[in-house]
Amino acid sequence: MKTLKTMFMALTVAGLAACHADQSRDFISGTFVSSAIGEFSKADDTLIIESAASNNFLLHRRTGYNLIREGVTGKRQYEREEWQAVYDESTKTLSEIKKGKLITVYPDSGYIRIGKRKYIKK
């Protein structure tokens, strides 16, 4: 009987702890993709976000793009960037350190947003 009570209490505590987990913070780590086409270019972004110490995150951005000039699509070009960001628990956002980009998290919808650009989690 004591074992059953102990097990019930442990499950209750675990359940309560899960209810208080930060859903936005848990969602951030992973791979996100975005594509855009405009009059002058088309681009595909991959953003890999990994948790570092505490509320710090490391972001790896890989971009492939084609410039479009006079209706002709140029050859594929590539860029890489590494960002560092800090998660703000009160606003549930990431702030990129160097350029001050704000990364808004939408875990219920499965995406993040950097400015107007939407990245969908893979």
PDB file of N, CA and C in Angstrom:
ATOM      1  N   MET A   1       0.817  -1.197   0.000  1.00  0.00           N
ATOM      2  CA  MET A   1       0.000   0.000   0.000  1.00  0.00           C
ATOM      3  C   MET A   1       0.863   1.264   0.000  1.00  0.00           C
ATOM      4  N   LYS A   2       1.963   1.237   0.817  1.00  0.00           N
ATOM      5  CA  LYS A   2       2.859   2.380   0.857  1.00  0.00           C
ATOM      6  C   LYS A   2       3.512   2.624  -0.507  1.00  0.00           C
ATOM      7  N   THR A   3       3.871   1.536  -1.190  1.00  0.00           N
ATOM      8  CA  THR A   3       4.493   1.641  -2.503  1.00  0.00           C
ATOM      9  C   THR A   3       3.534   2.265  -3.499  1.00  0.00           C
ATOM     10  N   LEU A   4       2.267   1.916  -3.433  1.00  0.00           N
ATOM     11  CA  LEU A   4       1.260   2.473  -4.325  1.00  0.00           C
ATOM     12  C   LEU A   4       1.083   3.968  -4.075  1.00  0.00           C
ATOM     13  N   LYS A   5       1.050   4.372  -2.798  1.00  0.00           N
ATOM     14  CA  LYS A   5       0.930   5.800  -2.456  1.00  0.00           C
ATOM     15  C   LYS A   5       2.150   6.571  -2.940  1.00  0.00           C
ATOM     16  N   THR A   6       3.330   6.007  -2.725  1.00  0.00           N
ATOM     17  CA  THR A   6       4.561   6.664  -3.161  1.00  0.00           C
ATOM     18  C   THR A   6       4.577   6.822  -4.673  1.00  0.00           C
ATOM     19  N   MET A   7       4.179   5.790  -5.393  1.00  0.00           N
ATOM     20  CA  MET A   7       4.137   5.840  -6.848  1.00  0.00           C
ATOM     21  C   MET A   7       3.127   6.894  -7.327  1.00  0.00           C
ATOM     22  N   PHE A   8       1.973   6.965  -6.696  1.00  0.00           N
ATOM     23  CA  PHE A   8       0.947   7.937  -7.050  1.00  0.00           C
ATOM     24  C   PHE A   8       1.464   9.363  -6.828  1.00  0.00           C
ATOM     25  N   MET A   9       2.136   9.576  -5.701  1.00  0.00           N
ATOM     26  CA  MET A   9       2.673  10.913  -5.401  1.00  0.00           C
ATOM     27  C   MET A   9       3.753  11.301  -6.418  1.00  0.00           C
ATOM     28  N   ALA A  10       4.607  10.358  -6.784  1.00  0.00           N
ATOM     29  CA  ALA A  10       5.663  10.640  -7.761  1.00  0.00           C
ATOM     30  C   ALA A  10       5.071  10.998  -9.119  1.00  0.00           C
ATOM     31  N   LEU A  11       4.049  10.285  -9.540  1.00  0.00           N
ATOM     32  CA  LEU A  11       3.391  10.580 -10.815  1.00  0.00           C
ATOM     33  C   LEU A  11       2.695  11.939 -10.777  1.00  0.00           C
ATOM     34  N   THR A  12       2.098  12.273  -9.648  1.00  0.00           N
ATOM     35  CA  THR A  12       1.428  13.566  -9.494  1.00  0.00           C
ATOM     36  C   THR A  12       2.434  14.700  -9.597  1.00  0.00           C
ATOM     37  N   VAL A  13       3.569  14.576  -8.909  1.00  0.00           N
ATOM     38  CA  VAL A  13       4.611  15.601  -8.965  1.00  0.00           C
ATOM     39  C   VAL A  13       5.151  15.729 -10.386  1.00  0.00           C
ATOM     40  N   ALA A  14       5.398  14.623 -11.056  1.00  0.00           N
ATOM     41  CA  ALA A  14       5.894  14.653 -12.436  1.00  0.00           C
ATOM     42  C   ALA A  14       4.883  15.319 -13.360  1.00  0.00           C
ATOM     43  N   GLY A  15       3.619  15.034 -13.169  1.00  0.00           N
ATOM     44  CA  GLY A  15       2.566  15.653 -13.979  1.00  0.00           C
ATOM     45  C   GLY A  15       2.495  17.147 -13.766  1.00  0.00           C
ATOM     46  N   LEU A  16       2.613  17.583 -12.522  1.00  0.00           N
ATOM     47  CA  LEU A  16       2.593  19.019 -12.238  1.00  0.00           C
ATOM     48  C   LEU A  16       3.810  19.711 -12.828  1.00  0.00           C
ATOM     49  N   ALA A  17       4.956  19.074 -12.761  1.00  0.00           N
ATOM     50  CA  ALA A  17       6.174  19.658 -13.340  1.00  0.00           C
ATOM     51  C   ALA A  17       6.018  19.812 -14.846  1.00  0.00           C
ATOM     52  N   ALA A  18       5.406  18.854 -15.496  1.00  0.00           N
ATOM     53  CA  ALA A  18       5.203  18.923 -16.949  1.00  0.00           C
ATOM     54  C   ALA A  18       4.281  20.068 -17.321  1.00  0.00           C
ATOM     55  N   CYS A  19       3.303  20.368 -16.489  1.00  0.00           N
ATOM     56  CA  CYS A  19       2.371  21.458 -16.762  1.00  0.00           C
ATOM     57  C   CYS A  19       3.069  22.808 -16.735  1.00  0.00           C
ATOM     58  N   HIS A  20       4.144  22.913 -15.965  1.00  0.00           N
ATOM     59  CA  HIS A  20       4.838  24.183 -15.824  1.00  0.00           C
ATOM     60  C   HIS A  20       6.029  24.318 -16.763  1.00  0.00           C
ATOM     61  N   ALA A  21       6.231  23.344 -17.640  1.00  0.00           N
ATOM     62  CA  ALA A  21       7.331  23.417 -18.601  1.00  0.00           C
ATOM     63  C   ALA A  21       7.083  24.572 -19.561  1.00  0.00           C
ATOM     64  N   ASP A  22       8.167  25.182 -20.022  1.00  0.00           N
ATOM     65  CA  ASP A  22       8.071  26.302 -20.951  1.00  0.00           C
ATOM     66  C   ASP A  22       7.973  25.737 -22.370  1.00  0.00           C
ATOM     67  N   GLN A  23       6.775  25.684 -22.891  1.00  0.00           N
ATOM     68  CA  GLN A  23       6.512  25.094 -24.203  1.00  0.00           C
ATOM     69  C   GLN A  23       7.292  25.814 -25.304  1.00  0.00           C
ATOM     70  N   SER A  24       7.395  27.131 -25.223  1.00  0.00           N
ATOM     71  CA  SER A  24       8.124  27.894 -26.244  1.00  0.00           C
ATOM     72  C   SER A  24       9.606  27.561 -26.226  1.00  0.00           C
ATOM     73  N   ARG A  25      10.206  27.520 -25.050  1.00  0.00           N
ATOM     74  CA  ARG A  25      11.638  27.217 -24.934  1.00  0.00           C
ATOM     75  C   ARG A  25      11.927  25.799 -25.427  1.00  0.00           C
ATOM     76  N   ASP A  26      11.067  24.870 -25.082  1.00  0.00           N
ATOM     77  CA  ASP A  26      11.248  23.483 -25.515  1.00  0.00           C
ATOM     78  C   ASP A  26      11.143  23.346 -27.035  1.00  0.00           C
ATOM     79  N   PHE A  27      10.339  24.188 -27.670  1.00  0.00           N
ATOM     80  CA  PHE A  27      10.097  24.124 -29.116  1.00  0.00           C
ATOM     81  C   PHE A  27      11.263  24.670 -29.937  1.00  0.00           C
ATOM     82  N   ILE A  28      12.040  25.580 -29.372  1.00  0.00           N
ATOM     83  CA  ILE A  28      13.049  26.333 -30.127  1.00  0.00           C
ATOM     84  C   ILE A  28      14.111  25.450 -30.785  1.00  0.00           C
ATOM     85  N   SER A  29      14.641  24.483 -30.067  1.00  0.00           N
ATOM     86  CA  SER A  29      15.716  23.659 -30.637  1.00  0.00           C
ATOM     87  C   SER A  29      15.189  22.818 -31.794  1.00  0.00           C
ATOM     88  N   GLY A  30      15.943  22.805 -32.893  1.00  0.00           N
ATOM     89  CA  GLY A  30      15.540  22.008 -34.042  1.00  0.00           C
ATOM     90  C   GLY A  30      15.899  22.677 -35.356  1.00  0.00           C
ATOM     91  N   THR A  31      15.333  22.161 -36.424  1.00  0.00           N
ATOM     92  CA  THR A  31      15.593  22.656 -37.775  1.00  0.00           C
ATOM     93  C   THR A  31      14.340  23.326 -38.321  1.00  0.00           C
ATOM     94  N   PHE A  32      14.528  24.524 -38.878  1.00  0.00           N
ATOM     95  CA  PHE A  32      13.438  25.315 -39.427  1.00  0.00           C
ATOM     96  C   PHE A  32      13.786  25.696 -40.863  1.00  0.00           C
ATOM     97  N   VAL A  33      12.788  25.752 -41.737  1.00  0.00           N
ATOM     98  CA  VAL A  33      13.027  26.098 -43.142  1.00  0.00           C
ATOM     99  C   VAL A  33      12.094  27.215 -43.596  1.00  0.00           C
ATOM    100  N   SER A  34      12.582  27.967 -44.573  1.00  0.00           N
ATOM    101  CA  SER A  34      11.805  29.060 -45.145  1.00  0.00           C
ATOM    102  C   SER A  34      12.202  29.236 -46.608  1.00  0.00           C
ATOM    103  N   SER A  35      11.226  29.554 -47.437  1.00  0.00           N
ATOM    104  CA  SER A  35      11.485  29.840 -48.858  1.00  0.00           C
ATOM    105  C   SER A  35      10.799  31.142 -49.224  1.00  0.00           C
ATOM    106  N   ALA A  36      11.428  31.887 -50.126  1.00  0.00           N
ATOM    107  CA  ALA A  36      10.844  33.152 -50.576  1.00  0.00           C
ATOM    108  C   ALA A  36      11.203  33.382 -52.031  1.00  0.00           C
ATOM    109  N   ILE A  37      10.254  33.971 -52.755  1.00  0.00           N
ATOM    110  CA  ILE A  37      10.488  34.322 -54.159  1.00  0.00           C
ATOM    111  C   ILE A  37      10.025  35.759 -54.343  1.00  0.00           C
ATOM    112  N   GLY A  38      10.841  36.517 -55.026  1.00  0.00           N
ATOM    113  CA  GLY A  38      10.495  37.901 -55.312  1.00  0.00           C
ATOM    114  C   GLY A  38      10.876  38.245 -56.736  1.00  0.00           C
ATOM    115  N   GLU A  39      10.736  39.502 -57.084  1.00  0.00           N
ATOM    116  CA  GLU A  39      11.033  39.956 -58.437  1.00  0.00           C
ATOM    117  C   GLU A  39      12.519  39.823 -58.774  1.00  0.00           C
ATOM    118  N   PHE A  40      13.374  39.985 -57.749  1.00  0.00           N
ATOM    119  CA  PHE A  40      14.815  40.024 -57.991  1.00  0.00           C
ATOM    120  C   PHE A  40      15.590  38.818 -57.472  1.00  0.00           C
ATOM    121  N   SER A  41      14.927  37.929 -56.731  1.00  0.00           N
ATOM    122  CA  SER A  41      15.640  36.756 -56.221  1.00  0.00           C
ATOM    123  C   SER A  41      14.674  35.699 -55.718  1.00  0.00           C
ATOM    124  N   LYS A  42      15.227  34.493 -55.539  1.00  0.00           N
ATOM    125  CA  LYS A  42      14.510  33.444 -54.829  1.00  0.00           C
ATOM    126  C   LYS A  42      15.504  32.815 -53.873  1.00  0.00           C
ATOM    127  N   ALA A  43      15.014  32.480 -52.664  1.00  0.00           N
ATOM    128  CA  ALA A  43      15.929  32.009 -51.618  1.00  0.00           C
ATOM    129  C   ALA A  43      15.286  30.920 -50.776  1.00  0.00           C
ATOM    130  N   ASP A  44      16.152  30.036 -50.281  1.00  0.00           N
ATOM    131  CA  ASP A  44      15.748  28.986 -49.353  1.00  0.00           C
ATOM    132  C   ASP A  44      16.675  29.063 -48.148  1.00  0.00           C
ATOM    133  N   ASP A  45      16.090  29.149 -46.970  1.00  0.00           N
ATOM    134  CA  ASP A  45      16.858  29.218 -45.729  1.00  0.00           C
ATOM    135  C   ASP A  45      16.638  27.969 -44.905  1.00  0.00           C
ATOM    136  N   THR A  46      17.700  27.517 -44.261  1.00  0.00           N
ATOM    137  CA  THR A  46      17.609  26.485 -43.237  1.00  0.00           C
ATOM    138  C   THR A  46      18.234  27.075 -41.983  1.00  0.00           C
ATOM    139  N   LEU A  47      17.514  27.001 -40.899  1.00  0.00           N
ATOM    140  CA  LEU A  47      17.971  27.538 -39.625  1.00  0.00           C
ATOM    141  C   LEU A  47      17.997  26.393 -38.616  1.00  0.00           C
ATOM    142  N   ILE A  48      19.193  26.076 -38.132  1.00  0.00           N
ATOM    143  CA  ILE A  48      19.337  25.018 -37.133  1.00  0.00           C
ATOM    144  C   ILE A  48      19.619  25.696 -35.797  1.00  0.00           C
ATOM    145  N   ILE A  49      18.741  25.453 -34.825  1.00  0.00           N
ATOM    146  CA  ILE A  49      18.861  26.100 -33.523  1.00  0.00           C
ATOM    147  C   ILE A  49      19.185  25.042 -32.479  1.00  0.00           C
ATOM    148  N   GLU A  50      20.248  25.301 -31.722  1.00  0.00           N
ATOM    149  CA  GLU A  50      20.604  24.366 -30.663  1.00  0.00           C
ATOM    150  C   GLU A  50      20.774  25.110 -29.344  1.00  0.00           C
ATOM    151  N   SER A  51      20.352  24.454 -28.291  1.00  0.00           N
ATOM    152  CA  SER A  51      20.445  25.011 -26.955  1.00  0.00           C
ATOM    153  C   SER A  51      21.891  24.973 -26.486  1.00  0.00           C
ATOM    154  N   ALA A  52      22.333  26.067 -25.875  1.00  0.00           N
ATOM    155  CA  ALA A  52      23.663  26.124 -25.262  1.00  0.00           C
ATOM    156  C   ALA A  52      23.438  26.216 -23.746  1.00  0.00           C
ATOM    157  N   ALA A  53      24.336  26.808 -23.041  1.00  0.00           N
ATOM    158  CA  ALA A  53      24.204  26.922 -21.585  1.00  0.00           C
ATOM    159  C   ALA A  53      23.077  27.876 -21.207  1.00  0.00           C
ATOM    160  N   SER A  54      22.340  27.524 -20.168  1.00  0.00           N
ATOM    161  CA  SER A  54      21.281  28.363 -19.600  1.00  0.00           C
ATOM    162  C   SER A  54      20.252  28.740 -20.674  1.00  0.00           C
ATOM    163  N   ASN A  55      20.016  30.021 -20.875  1.00  0.00           N
ATOM    164  CA  ASN A  55      19.037  30.485 -21.868  1.00  0.00           C
ATOM    165  C   ASN A  55      19.707  30.953 -23.153  1.00  0.00           C
ATOM    166  N   ASN A  56      20.909  30.476 -23.408  1.00  0.00           N
ATOM    167  CA  ASN A  56      21.645  30.837 -24.618  1.00  0.00           C
ATOM    168  C   ASN A  56      21.409  29.796 -25.700  1.00  0.00           C
ATOM    169  N   PHE A  57      21.341  30.270 -26.945  1.00  0.00           N
ATOM    170  CA  PHE A  57      21.134  29.390 -28.083  1.00  0.00           C
ATOM    171  C   PHE A  57      22.117  29.747 -29.180  1.00  0.00           C
ATOM    172  N   LEU A  58      22.512  28.739 -29.957  1.00  0.00           N
ATOM    173  CA  LEU A  58      23.372  28.921 -31.114  1.00  0.00           C
ATOM    174  C   LEU A  58      22.535  28.620 -32.353  1.00  0.00           C
ATOM    175  N   LEU A  59      22.575  29.529 -33.326  1.00  0.00           N
ATOM    176  CA  LEU A  59      21.795  29.375 -34.551  1.00  0.00           C
ATOM    177  C   LEU A  59      22.737  29.284 -35.740  1.00  0.00           C
ATOM    178  N   HIS A  60      22.504  28.302 -36.591  1.00  0.00           N
ATOM    179  CA  HIS A  60      23.273  28.102 -37.811  1.00  0.00           C
ATOM    180  C   HIS A  60      22.335  28.371 -38.980  1.00  0.00           C
ATOM    181  N   ARG A  61      22.604  29.428 -39.724  1.00  0.00           N
ATOM    182  CA  ARG A  61      21.740  29.782 -40.857  1.00  0.00           C
ATOM    183  C   ARG A  61      22.460  29.448 -42.151  1.00  0.00           C
ATOM    184  N   ARG A  62      21.788  28.692 -43.005  1.00  0.00           N
ATOM    185  CA  ARG A  62      22.303  28.324 -44.325  1.00  0.00           C
ATOM    186  C   ARG A  62      21.309  28.842 -45.362  1.00  0.00           C
ATOM    187  N   THR A  63      21.799  29.641 -46.291  1.00  0.00           N
ATOM    188  CA  THR A  63      20.927  30.232 -47.307  1.00  0.00           C
ATOM    189  C   THR A  63      21.442  29.879 -48.698  1.00  0.00           C
ATOM    190  N   GLY A  64      20.532  29.436 -49.548  1.00  0.00           N
ATOM    191  CA  GLY A  64      20.810  29.250 -50.965  1.00  0.00           C
ATOM    192  C   GLY A  64      19.899  30.197 -51.721  1.00  0.00           C
ATOM    193  N   TYR A  65      20.464  30.940 -52.664  1.00  0.00           N
ATOM    194  CA  TYR A  65      19.637  31.914 -53.384  1.00  0.00           C
ATOM    195  C   TYR A  65      20.096  32.070 -54.828  1.00  0.00           C
ATOM    196  N   ASN A  66      19.161  32.524 -55.657  1.00  0.00           N
ATOM    197  CA  ASN A  66      19.427  32.849 -57.049  1.00  0.00           C
ATOM    198  C   ASN A  66      18.987  34.290 -57.278  1.00  0.00           C
ATOM    199  N   LEU A  67      19.858  35.088 -57.847  1.00  0.00           N
ATOM    200  CA  LEU A  67      19.471  36.439 -58.240  1.00  0.00           C
ATOM    201  C   LEU A  67      18.743  36.360 -59.572  1.00  0.00           C
ATOM    202  N   ILE A  68      17.775  37.228 -59.762  1.00  0.00           N
ATOM    203  CA  ILE A  68      17.008  37.272 -61.009  1.00  0.00           C
ATOM    204  C   ILE A  68      17.215  38.653 -61.632  1.00  0.00           C
ATOM    205  N   ARG A  69      17.776  38.677 -62.843  1.00  0.00           N
ATOM    206  CA  ARG A  69      18.028  39.939 -63.541  1.00  0.00           C
ATOM    207  C   ARG A  69      17.413  39.867 -64.921  1.00  0.00           C
ATOM    208  N   GLU A  70      16.563  40.839 -65.229  1.00  0.00           N
ATOM    209  CA  GLU A  70      15.885  40.917 -66.515  1.00  0.00           C
ATOM    210  C   GLU A  70      15.186  39.608 -66.854  1.00  0.00           C
ATOM    211  N   GLY A  71      14.585  38.994 -65.825  1.00  0.00           N
ATOM    212  CA  GLY A  71      13.822  37.771 -66.003  1.00  0.00           C
ATOM    213  C   GLY A  71      14.649  36.498 -66.074  1.00  0.00           C
ATOM    214  N   VAL A  72      15.970  36.627 -66.004  1.00  0.00           N
ATOM    215  CA  VAL A  72      16.855  35.466 -66.092  1.00  0.00           C
ATOM    216  C   VAL A  72      17.359  35.118 -64.692  1.00  0.00           C
ATOM    217  N   THR A  73      17.173  33.848 -64.315  1.00  0.00           N
ATOM    218  CA  THR A  73      17.615  33.387 -63.007  1.00  0.00           C
ATOM    219  C   THR A  73      19.092  33.017 -63.070  1.00  0.00           C
ATOM    220  N   GLY A  74      19.875  33.624 -62.178  1.00  0.00           N
ATOM    221  CA  GLY A  74      21.311  33.373 -62.131  1.00  0.00           C
ATOM    222  C   GLY A  74      21.639  32.067 -61.416  1.00  0.00           C
ATOM    223  N   LYS A  75      22.939  31.768 -61.346  1.00  0.00           N
ATOM    224  CA  LYS A  75      23.361  30.511 -60.721  1.00  0.00           C
ATOM    225  C   LYS A  75      23.139  30.570 -59.199  1.00  0.00           C
ATOM    226  N   ARG A  76      23.007  29.407 -58.630  1.00  0.00           N
ATOM    227  CA  ARG A  76      22.750  29.269 -57.194  1.00  0.00           C
ATOM    228  C   ARG A  76      23.981  29.721 -56.412  1.00  0.00           C
ATOM    229  N   GLN A  77      23.743  30.540 -55.389  1.00  0.00           N
ATOM    230  CA  GLN A  77      24.802  31.013 -54.507  1.00  0.00           C
ATOM    231  C   GLN A  77      24.441  30.624 -53.073  1.00  0.00           C
ATOM    232  N   TYR A  78      25.462  30.553 -52.226  1.00  0.00           N
ATOM    233  CA  TYR A  78      25.236  30.090 -50.858  1.00  0.00           C
ATOM    234  C   TYR A  78      25.901  31.016 -49.844  1.00  0.00           C
ATOM    235  N   GLU A  79      25.274  31.118 -48.688  1.00  0.00           N
ATOM    236  CA  GLU A  79      25.833  31.873 -47.571  1.00  0.00           C
ATOM    237  C   GLU A  79      25.613  31.096 -46.288  1.00  0.00           C
ATOM    238  N   ARG A  80      26.496  31.320 -45.324  1.00  0.00           N
ATOM    239  CA  ARG A  80      26.378  30.712 -43.988  1.00  0.00           C
ATOM    240  C   ARG A  80      26.565  31.803 -42.951  1.00  0.00           C
ATOM    241  N   GLU A  81      25.797  31.697 -41.884  1.00  0.00           N
ATOM    242  CA  GLU A  81      25.937  32.619 -40.764  1.00  0.00           C
ATOM    243  C   GLU A  81      25.799  31.840 -39.466  1.00  0.00           C
ATOM    244  N   GLU A  82      26.475  32.308 -38.451  1.00  0.00           N
ATOM    245  CA  GLU A  82      26.338  31.759 -37.108  1.00  0.00           C
ATOM    246  C   GLU A  82      25.850  32.892 -36.208  1.00  0.00           C
ATOM    247  N   TRP A  83      24.797  32.651 -35.482  1.00  0.00           N
ATOM    248  CA  TRP A  83      24.239  33.653 -34.581  1.00  0.00           C
ATOM    249  C   TRP A  83      24.231  33.107 -33.164  1.00  0.00           C
ATOM    250  N   GLN A  84      24.268  34.003 -32.216  1.00  0.00           N
ATOM    251  CA  GLN A  84      24.040  33.658 -30.820  1.00  0.00           C
ATOM    252  C   GLN A  84      22.818  34.442 -30.368  1.00  0.00           C
ATOM    253  N   ALA A  85      21.984  33.799 -29.567  1.00  0.00           N
ATOM    254  CA  ALA A  85      20.762  34.458 -29.115  1.00  0.00           C
ATOM    255  C   ALA A  85      20.488  34.073 -27.661  1.00  0.00           C
ATOM    256  N   VAL A  86      19.709  34.930 -27.008  1.00  0.00           N
ATOM    257  CA  VAL A  86      19.330  34.704 -25.615  1.00  0.00           C
ATOM    258  C   VAL A  86      17.812  34.612 -25.549  1.00  0.00           C
ATOM    259  N   TYR A  87      17.329  33.599 -24.837  1.00  0.00           N
ATOM    260  CA  TYR A  87      15.889  33.395 -24.672  1.00  0.00           C
ATOM    261  C   TYR A  87      15.393  34.216 -23.494  1.00  0.00           C
ATOM    262  N   ASP A  88      14.326  34.980 -23.715  1.00  0.00           N
ATOM    263  CA  ASP A  88      13.690  35.777 -22.667  1.00  0.00           C
ATOM    264  C   ASP A  88      12.446  35.032 -22.195  1.00  0.00           C
ATOM    265  N   GLU A  89      12.489  34.530 -20.977  1.00  0.00           N
ATOM    266  CA  GLU A  89      11.378  33.729 -20.451  1.00  0.00           C
ATOM    267  C   GLU A  89      10.083  34.534 -20.313  1.00  0.00           C
ATOM    268  N   SER A  90      10.180  35.832 -20.054  1.00  0.00           N
ATOM    269  CA  SER A  90       8.962  36.626 -19.865  1.00  0.00           C
ATOM    270  C   SER A  90       8.230  36.905 -21.173  1.00  0.00           C
ATOM    271  N   THR A  91       8.985  37.110 -22.279  1.00  0.00           N
ATOM    272  CA  THR A  91       8.341  37.414 -23.568  1.00  0.00           C
ATOM    273  C   THR A  91       8.279  36.198 -24.486  1.00  0.00           C
ATOM    274  N   LYS A  92       8.951  35.107 -24.092  1.00  0.00           N
ATOM    275  CA  LYS A  92       8.998  33.872 -24.890  1.00  0.00           C
ATOM    276  C   LYS A  92       9.589  34.123 -26.274  1.00  0.00           C
ATOM    277  N   THR A  93      10.644  34.956 -26.333  1.00  0.00           N
ATOM    278  CA  THR A  93      11.303  35.278 -27.594  1.00  0.00           C
ATOM    279  C   THR A  93      12.808  35.076 -27.460  1.00  0.00           C
ATOM    280  N   LEU A  94      13.471  34.952 -28.607  1.00  0.00           N
ATOM    281  CA  LEU A  94      14.926  34.914 -28.670  1.00  0.00           C
ATOM    282  C   LEU A  94      15.406  36.258 -29.201  1.00  0.00           C
ATOM    283  N   SER A  95      16.462  36.795 -28.615  1.00  0.00           N
ATOM    284  CA  SER A  95      17.080  38.023 -29.117  1.00  0.00           C
ATOM    285  C   SER A  95      18.471  37.689 -29.615  1.00  0.00           C
ATOM    286  N   GLU A  96      18.685  37.898 -30.909  1.00  0.00           N
ATOM    287  CA  GLU A  96      19.990  37.651 -31.507  1.00  0.00           C
ATOM    288  C   GLU A  96      20.922  38.760 -31.035  1.00  0.00           C
ATOM    289  N   ILE A  97      22.143  38.426 -30.664  1.00  0.00           N
ATOM    290  CA  ILE A  97      23.018  39.362 -29.961  1.00  0.00           C
ATOM    291  C   ILE A  97      23.629  40.438 -30.858  1.00  0.00           C
ATOM    292  N   LYS A  98      24.220  40.103 -32.003  1.00  0.00           N
ATOM    293  CA  LYS A  98      24.956  41.081 -32.811  1.00  0.00           C
ATOM    294  C   LYS A  98      24.067  42.097 -33.513  1.00  0.00           C
ATOM    295  N   LYS A  99      23.053  41.617 -34.234  1.00  0.00           N
ATOM    296  CA  LYS A  99      22.226  42.509 -35.048  1.00  0.00           C
ATOM    297  C   LYS A  99      20.910  42.878 -34.381  1.00  0.00           C
ATOM    298  N   GLY A 100      20.622  42.262 -33.230  1.00  0.00           N
ATOM    299  CA  GLY A 100      19.409  42.586 -32.494  1.00  0.00           C
ATOM    300  C   GLY A 100      18.136  42.025 -33.093  1.00  0.00           C
ATOM    301  N   LYS A 101      18.236  40.976 -33.887  1.00  0.00           N
ATOM    302  CA  LYS A 101      17.047  40.367 -34.484  1.00  0.00           C
ATOM    303  C   LYS A 101      16.188  39.738 -33.392  1.00  0.00           C
ATOM    304  N   LEU A 102      14.893  39.917 -33.508  1.00  0.00           N
ATOM    305  CA  LEU A 102      13.946  39.324 -32.561  1.00  0.00           C
ATOM    306  C   LEU A 102      13.322  38.096 -33.210  1.00  0.00           C
ATOM    307  N   ILE A 103      13.394  36.972 -32.515  1.00  0.00           N
ATOM    308  CA  ILE A 103      12.862  35.710 -33.031  1.00  0.00           C
ATOM    309  C   ILE A 103      11.666  35.340 -32.170  1.00  0.00           C
ATOM    310  N   THR A 104      10.492  35.376 -32.783  1.00  0.00           N
ATOM    311  CA  THR A 104       9.247  35.094 -32.084  1.00  0.00           C
ATOM    312  C   THR A 104       8.875  33.631 -32.290  1.00  0.00           C
ATOM    313  N   VAL A 105       8.430  32.981 -31.229  1.00  0.00           N
ATOM    314  CA  VAL A 105       8.185  31.544 -31.228  1.00  0.00           C
ATOM    315  C   VAL A 105       6.683  31.265 -31.185  1.00  0.00           C
ATOM    316  N   TYR A 106       6.208  30.386 -32.074  1.00  0.00           N
ATOM    317  CA  TYR A 106       4.800  29.984 -32.135  1.00  0.00           C
ATOM    318  C   TYR A 106       4.714  28.455 -32.081  1.00  0.00           C
ATOM    319  N   PRO A 107       4.928  27.871 -30.897  1.00  0.00           N
ATOM    320  CA  PRO A 107       4.978  26.405 -30.806  1.00  0.00           C
ATOM    321  C   PRO A 107       3.667  25.716 -31.182  1.00  0.00           C
ATOM    322  N   ASP A 108       2.537  26.327 -30.881  1.00  0.00           N
ATOM    323  CA  ASP A 108       1.251  25.709 -31.205  1.00  0.00           C
ATOM    324  C   ASP A 108       1.017  25.621 -32.714  1.00  0.00           C
ATOM    325  N   SER A 109       1.610  26.552 -33.462  1.00  0.00           N
ATOM    326  CA  SER A 109       1.449  26.570 -34.916  1.00  0.00           C
ATOM    327  C   SER A 109       2.616  25.930 -35.651  1.00  0.00           C
ATOM    328  N   GLY A 110       3.709  25.626 -34.944  1.00  0.00           N
ATOM    329  CA  GLY A 110       4.829  24.917 -35.549  1.00  0.00           C
ATOM    330  C   GLY A 110       5.811  25.777 -36.316  1.00  0.00           C
ATOM    331  N   TYR A 111       5.937  27.057 -35.956  1.00  0.00           N
ATOM    332  CA  TYR A 111       6.894  27.900 -36.667  1.00  0.00           C
ATOM    333  C   TYR A 111       7.472  28.980 -35.761  1.00  0.00           C
ATOM    334  N   ILE A 112       8.540  29.615 -36.282  1.00  0.00           N
ATOM    335  CA  ILE A 112       9.103  30.803 -35.658  1.00  0.00           C
ATOM    336  C   ILE A 112       9.074  31.913 -36.702  1.00  0.00           C
ATOM    337  N   ARG A 113       9.252  33.144 -36.251  1.00  0.00           N
ATOM    338  CA  ARG A 113       9.254  34.280 -37.167  1.00  0.00           C
ATOM    339  C   ARG A 113      10.445  35.170 -36.822  1.00  0.00           C
ATOM    340  N   ILE A 114      11.191  35.547 -37.865  1.00  0.00           N
ATOM    341  CA  ILE A 114      12.273  36.523 -37.731  1.00  0.00           C
ATOM    342  C   ILE A 114      11.872  37.692 -38.609  1.00  0.00           C
ATOM    343  N   GLY A 115      11.482  38.770 -37.985  1.00  0.00           N
ATOM    344  CA  GLY A 115      10.917  39.886 -38.751  1.00  0.00           C
ATOM    345  C   GLY A 115       9.640  39.407 -39.407  1.00  0.00           C
ATOM    346  N   LYS A 116       9.536  39.560 -40.718  1.00  0.00           N
ATOM    347  CA  LYS A 116       8.343  39.105 -41.455  1.00  0.00           C
ATOM    348  C   LYS A 116       8.504  37.691 -42.004  1.00  0.00           C
ATOM    349  N   ARG A 117       9.709  37.150 -41.877  1.00  0.00           N
ATOM    350  CA  ARG A 117       9.997  35.834 -42.469  1.00  0.00           C
ATOM    351  C   ARG A 117       9.601  34.703 -41.524  1.00  0.00           C
ATOM    352  N   LYS A 118       8.840  33.755 -42.063  1.00  0.00           N
ATOM    353  CA  LYS A 118       8.309  32.627 -41.304  1.00  0.00           C
ATOM    354  C   LYS A 118       9.138  31.385 -41.592  1.00  0.00           C
ATOM    355  N   TYR A 119       9.586  30.715 -40.529  1.00  0.00           N
ATOM    356  CA  TYR A 119      10.353  29.471 -40.627  1.00  0.00           C
ATOM    357  C   TYR A 119       9.537  28.348 -40.007  1.00  0.00           C
ATOM    358  N   ILE A 120       9.289  27.307 -40.784  1.00  0.00           N
ATOM    359  CA  ILE A 120       8.476  26.170 -40.334  1.00  0.00           C
ATOM    360  C   ILE A 120       9.391  25.077 -39.802  1.00  0.00           C
ATOM    361  N   LYS A 121       9.020  24.509 -38.659  1.00  0.00           N
ATOM    362  CA  LYS A 121       9.837  23.448 -38.064  1.00  0.00           C
ATOM    363  C   LYS A 121       9.665  22.163 -38.848  1.00  0.00           C
ATOM    364  N   LYS A 122      10.801  21.519 -39.149  1.00  0.00           N
ATOM    365  CA  LYS A 122      10.795  20.238 -39.878  1.00  0.00           C
ATOM    366  C   LYS A 122      10.601  19.090 -38.918  1.00  0.00           C
TER     367      LYS A 122
END
